[in-house]
Amino acid sequence: MNESGVRIMSVEAEVIAGIEKMVGKLSEEKYNKQFKKWNKTMAFSFKEFNKTWWVNLTAGIPDEQLNETEIDKSKAYDIHFITDSKTWLGIVNKEIKAMDAFTSRDLKIKGKMRPVRCLIKSGLIRHTTLAVKD
């Protein structure tokens, strides 16, 4: 808390909240219909924390809990977003366009592009802003 008693979230906690918000949308009926055949792993890596947060999707539904591990370059995920906290929070808060972050190499996406295209086509992620739709 700061001097005025306002709770301040750590950058890492904000990053996790952004990931959980995006992944949580997959449980909504609107999106789950489109991803019900998905059995994939989605991961988000942040070098400054040396951590990867990942979640398994089973029949399009994400696990209840976000998993955390140290960055392991030998681990392959179906969809793997690699960025820094400043870029990720800018994207989540709709201050940075995901396409701009991608073309400037501030956001890297590894894995097969077909699942990424599915996320874009669904509207969950937009090619102009990766931000989560409210």
C-alpha atoms as a PDB file:
ATOM      1  CA  MET A   1       0.000   0.000   0.000  1.00  0.00           C
ATOM      2  CA  ASN A   2       1.134   3.547  -0.604  1.00  0.00           C
ATOM      3  CA  GLU A   3       0.906   6.489   1.825  1.00  0.00           C
ATOM      4  CA  SER A   4      -2.755   7.130   1.006  1.00  0.00           C
ATOM      5  CA  GLY A   5      -3.688   3.512   1.689  1.00  0.00           C
ATOM      6  CA  VAL A   6      -4.195   2.595  -1.977  1.00  0.00           C
ATOM      7  CA  ARG A   7      -3.135  -0.934  -2.809  1.00  0.00           C
ATOM      8  CA  ILE A   8      -0.521  -0.987  -5.539  1.00  0.00           C
ATOM      9  CA  MET A   9      -0.266  -4.091  -7.678  1.00  0.00           C
ATOM     10  CA  SER A  10       3.194  -5.339  -8.554  1.00  0.00           C
ATOM     11  CA  VAL A  11       4.072  -5.445 -12.242  1.00  0.00           C
ATOM     12  CA  GLU A  12       4.231  -9.230 -12.080  1.00  0.00           C
ATOM     13  CA  ALA A  13       0.742  -9.371 -10.540  1.00  0.00           C
ATOM     14  CA  GLU A  14      -0.580  -7.079 -13.298  1.00  0.00           C
ATOM     15  CA  VAL A  15       0.958  -9.333 -15.950  1.00  0.00           C
ATOM     16  CA  ILE A  16      -0.656 -12.401 -14.390  1.00  0.00           C
ATOM     17  CA  ALA A  17      -4.019 -10.612 -14.138  1.00  0.00           C
ATOM     18  CA  GLY A  18      -3.817  -9.744 -17.853  1.00  0.00           C
ATOM     19  CA  ILE A  19      -3.043 -13.341 -18.787  1.00  0.00           C
ATOM     20  CA  GLU A  20      -5.843 -14.669 -16.585  1.00  0.00           C
ATOM     21  CA  LYS A  21      -8.307 -12.206 -18.089  1.00  0.00           C
ATOM     22  CA  MET A  22      -7.446 -13.253 -21.639  1.00  0.00           C
ATOM     23  CA  VAL A  23      -7.402 -16.980 -20.891  1.00  0.00           C
ATOM     24  CA  GLY A  24     -10.579 -16.702 -18.822  1.00  0.00           C
ATOM     25  CA  LYS A  25     -12.470 -15.479 -21.860  1.00  0.00           C
ATOM     26  CA  LEU A  26     -12.038 -18.949 -23.399  1.00  0.00           C
ATOM     27  CA  SER A  27     -14.454 -20.341 -20.785  1.00  0.00           C
ATOM     28  CA  GLU A  28     -17.217 -18.040 -21.952  1.00  0.00           C
ATOM     29  CA  GLU A  29     -19.832 -19.742 -24.109  1.00  0.00           C
ATOM     30  CA  LYS A  30     -19.293 -17.203 -26.879  1.00  0.00           C
ATOM     31  CA  TYR A  31     -15.708 -18.351 -27.345  1.00  0.00           C
ATOM     32  CA  ASN A  32     -15.874 -21.922 -26.110  1.00  0.00           C
ATOM     33  CA  LYS A  33     -18.108 -22.964 -28.997  1.00  0.00           C
ATOM     34  CA  GLN A  34     -15.307 -22.039 -31.381  1.00  0.00           C
ATOM     35  CA  PHE A  35     -12.542 -23.768 -29.413  1.00  0.00           C
ATOM     36  CA  LYS A  36     -14.306 -26.866 -28.078  1.00  0.00           C
ATOM     37  CA  LYS A  37     -12.019 -29.151 -30.119  1.00  0.00           C
ATOM     38  CA  TRP A  38      -8.860 -27.494 -28.810  1.00  0.00           C
ATOM     39  CA  ASN A  39      -6.509 -29.518 -26.645  1.00  0.00           C
ATOM     40  CA  LYS A  40      -3.570 -27.148 -26.578  1.00  0.00           C
ATOM     41  CA  THR A  41      -1.107 -25.444 -24.302  1.00  0.00           C
ATOM     42  CA  MET A  42      -0.910 -21.653 -24.339  1.00  0.00           C
ATOM     43  CA  ALA A  43       2.128 -19.985 -22.759  1.00  0.00           C
ATOM     44  CA  PHE A  44       3.312 -16.456 -21.972  1.00  0.00           C
ATOM     45  CA  SER A  45       7.025 -15.825 -21.288  1.00  0.00           C
ATOM     46  CA  PHE A  46       8.576 -12.718 -19.768  1.00  0.00           C
ATOM     47  CA  LYS A  47      12.374 -12.486 -19.762  1.00  0.00           C
ATOM     48  CA  GLU A  48      12.611  -9.902 -16.975  1.00  0.00           C
ATOM     49  CA  PHE A  49      10.934 -12.334 -14.586  1.00  0.00           C
ATOM     50  CA  ASN A  50      12.622 -15.417 -16.126  1.00  0.00           C
ATOM     51  CA  LYS A  51       9.166 -17.009 -15.963  1.00  0.00           C
ATOM     52  CA  THR A  52       6.633 -18.606 -18.226  1.00  0.00           C
ATOM     53  CA  TRP A  53       2.986 -18.817 -17.284  1.00  0.00           C
ATOM     54  CA  TRP A  54       1.083 -21.497 -19.139  1.00  0.00           C
ATOM     55  CA  VAL A  55      -2.296 -23.126 -19.208  1.00  0.00           C
ATOM     56  CA  ASN A  56      -3.662 -26.293 -20.768  1.00  0.00           C
ATOM     57  CA  LEU A  57      -6.845 -26.041 -22.749  1.00  0.00           C
ATOM     58  CA  THR A  58      -8.950 -29.194 -22.742  1.00  0.00           C
ATOM     59  CA  ALA A  59     -11.909 -29.122 -25.114  1.00  0.00           C
ATOM     60  CA  GLY A  60     -11.288 -25.382 -25.264  1.00  0.00           C
ATOM     61  CA  ILE A  61     -11.669 -24.893 -21.509  1.00  0.00           C
ATOM     62  CA  PRO A  62      -8.593 -23.604 -19.664  1.00  0.00           C
ATOM     63  CA  ASP A  63      -7.315 -25.256 -16.495  1.00  0.00           C
ATOM     64  CA  GLU A  64      -8.552 -23.671 -13.298  1.00  0.00           C
ATOM     65  CA  GLN A  65      -5.075 -22.470 -12.404  1.00  0.00           C
ATOM     66  CA  LEU A  66      -2.358 -20.722 -14.335  1.00  0.00           C
ATOM     67  CA  ASN A  67       0.894 -22.689 -14.106  1.00  0.00           C
ATOM     68  CA  GLU A  68       4.273 -21.044 -13.558  1.00  0.00           C
ATOM     69  CA  THR A  69       7.765 -22.205 -14.435  1.00  0.00           C
ATOM     70  CA  GLU A  70      11.182 -20.807 -15.208  1.00  0.00           C
ATOM     71  CA  ILE A  71      11.773 -20.082 -18.877  1.00  0.00           C
ATOM     72  CA  ASP A  72      12.810 -23.293 -20.611  1.00  0.00           C
ATOM     73  CA  LYS A  73      13.700 -22.806 -24.270  1.00  0.00           C
ATOM     74  CA  SER A  74      13.536 -26.550 -24.892  1.00  0.00           C
ATOM     75  CA  LYS A  75       9.839 -26.682 -23.925  1.00  0.00           C
ATOM     76  CA  ALA A  76       7.437 -26.421 -26.850  1.00  0.00           C
ATOM     77  CA  TYR A  77       3.983 -24.939 -26.413  1.00  0.00           C
ATOM     78  CA  ASP A  78       1.212 -24.937 -29.002  1.00  0.00           C
ATOM     79  CA  ILE A  79       0.932 -21.156 -28.748  1.00  0.00           C
ATOM     80  CA  HIS A  80       3.747 -19.239 -27.081  1.00  0.00           C
ATOM     81  CA  PHE A  81       3.714 -15.477 -26.597  1.00  0.00           C
ATOM     82  CA  ILE A  82       7.111 -13.996 -25.680  1.00  0.00           C
ATOM     83  CA  THR A  83       7.348 -10.365 -24.645  1.00  0.00           C
ATOM     84  CA  ASP A  84       8.182  -8.035 -21.767  1.00  0.00           C
ATOM     85  CA  SER A  85       5.816  -6.714 -19.117  1.00  0.00           C
ATOM     86  CA  LYS A  86       5.692  -3.177 -20.532  1.00  0.00           C
ATOM     87  CA  THR A  87       4.612  -4.429 -23.964  1.00  0.00           C
ATOM     88  CA  TRP A  88       2.150  -6.983 -22.572  1.00  0.00           C
ATOM     89  CA  LEU A  89       0.471  -4.484 -20.247  1.00  0.00           C
ATOM     90  CA  GLY A  90       0.306  -1.960 -23.095  1.00  0.00           C
ATOM     91  CA  ILE A  91      -1.437  -4.549 -25.263  1.00  0.00           C
ATOM     92  CA  VAL A  92      -3.815  -5.688 -22.509  1.00  0.00           C
ATOM     93  CA  ASN A  93      -4.672  -2.062 -21.650  1.00  0.00           C
ATOM     94  CA  LYS A  94      -5.211  -1.269 -25.357  1.00  0.00           C
ATOM     95  CA  GLU A  95      -2.379   1.275 -25.413  1.00  0.00           C
ATOM     96  CA  ILE A  96      -0.242  -0.727 -27.866  1.00  0.00           C
ATOM     97  CA  LYS A  97      -1.443  -2.480 -30.993  1.00  0.00           C
ATOM     98  CA  ALA A  98      -0.386  -6.104 -30.987  1.00  0.00           C
ATOM     99  CA  MET A  99       0.505  -5.931 -34.672  1.00  0.00           C
ATOM    100  CA  ASP A 100       2.854  -3.011 -33.970  1.00  0.00           C
ATOM    101  CA  ALA A 101       4.455  -4.956 -31.115  1.00  0.00           C
ATOM    102  CA  PHE A 102       4.756  -8.011 -33.343  1.00  0.00           C
ATOM    103  CA  THR A 103       6.314  -6.179 -36.301  1.00  0.00           C
ATOM    104  CA  SER A 104       8.761  -4.348 -34.021  1.00  0.00           C
ATOM    105  CA  ARG A 105       9.717  -7.747 -32.475  1.00  0.00           C
ATOM    106  CA  ASP A 106       8.583  -6.626 -29.006  1.00  0.00           C
ATOM    107  CA  LEU A 107       6.040  -9.468 -29.161  1.00  0.00           C
ATOM    108  CA  LYS A 108       7.037 -12.845 -30.542  1.00  0.00           C
ATOM    109  CA  ILE A 109       4.599 -15.649 -31.188  1.00  0.00           C
ATOM    110  CA  LYS A 110       5.936 -19.170 -31.541  1.00  0.00           C
ATOM    111  CA  GLY A 111       4.054 -22.240 -32.593  1.00  0.00           C
ATOM    112  CA  LYS A 112       1.802 -23.072 -35.471  1.00  0.00           C
ATOM    113  CA  MET A 113       0.079 -20.029 -36.872  1.00  0.00           C
ATOM    114  CA  ARG A 114      -3.224 -21.810 -37.462  1.00  0.00           C
ATOM    115  CA  PRO A 115      -4.234 -21.654 -33.761  1.00  0.00           C
ATOM    116  CA  VAL A 116      -3.168 -18.000 -33.634  1.00  0.00           C
ATOM    117  CA  ARG A 117      -5.281 -17.279 -36.720  1.00  0.00           C
ATOM    118  CA  CYS A 118      -8.208 -19.008 -34.980  1.00  0.00           C
ATOM    119  CA  LEU A 119      -7.803 -16.710 -31.983  1.00  0.00           C
ATOM    120  CA  ILE A 120      -7.718 -13.678 -34.286  1.00  0.00           C
ATOM    121  CA  LYS A 121     -10.687 -14.845 -36.364  1.00  0.00           C
ATOM    122  CA  SER A 122     -12.757 -15.436 -33.218  1.00  0.00           C
ATOM    123  CA  GLY A 123     -12.269 -11.833 -32.156  1.00  0.00           C
ATOM    124  CA  LEU A 124     -10.656 -12.914 -28.882  1.00  0.00           C
ATOM    125  CA  ILE A 125      -7.412 -11.486 -30.175  1.00  0.00           C
ATOM    126  CA  ARG A 126      -7.462  -8.899 -32.870  1.00  0.00           C
ATOM    127  CA  HIS A 127      -4.674  -8.378 -35.339  1.00  0.00           C
ATOM    128  CA  THR A 128      -4.795  -4.691 -34.539  1.00  0.00           C
ATOM    129  CA  THR A 129      -4.992  -5.043 -30.780  1.00  0.00           C
ATOM    130  CA  LEU A 130      -4.285  -8.220 -28.909  1.00  0.00           C
ATOM    131  CA  ALA A 131      -6.181  -6.717 -26.003  1.00  0.00           C
ATOM    132  CA  VAL A 132      -8.922  -8.740 -24.460  1.00  0.00           C
ATOM    133  CA  LYS A 133     -12.418  -7.729 -25.444  1.00  0.00           C
ATOM    134  CA  ASP A 134     -14.576  -6.724 -22.492  1.00  0.00           C
END
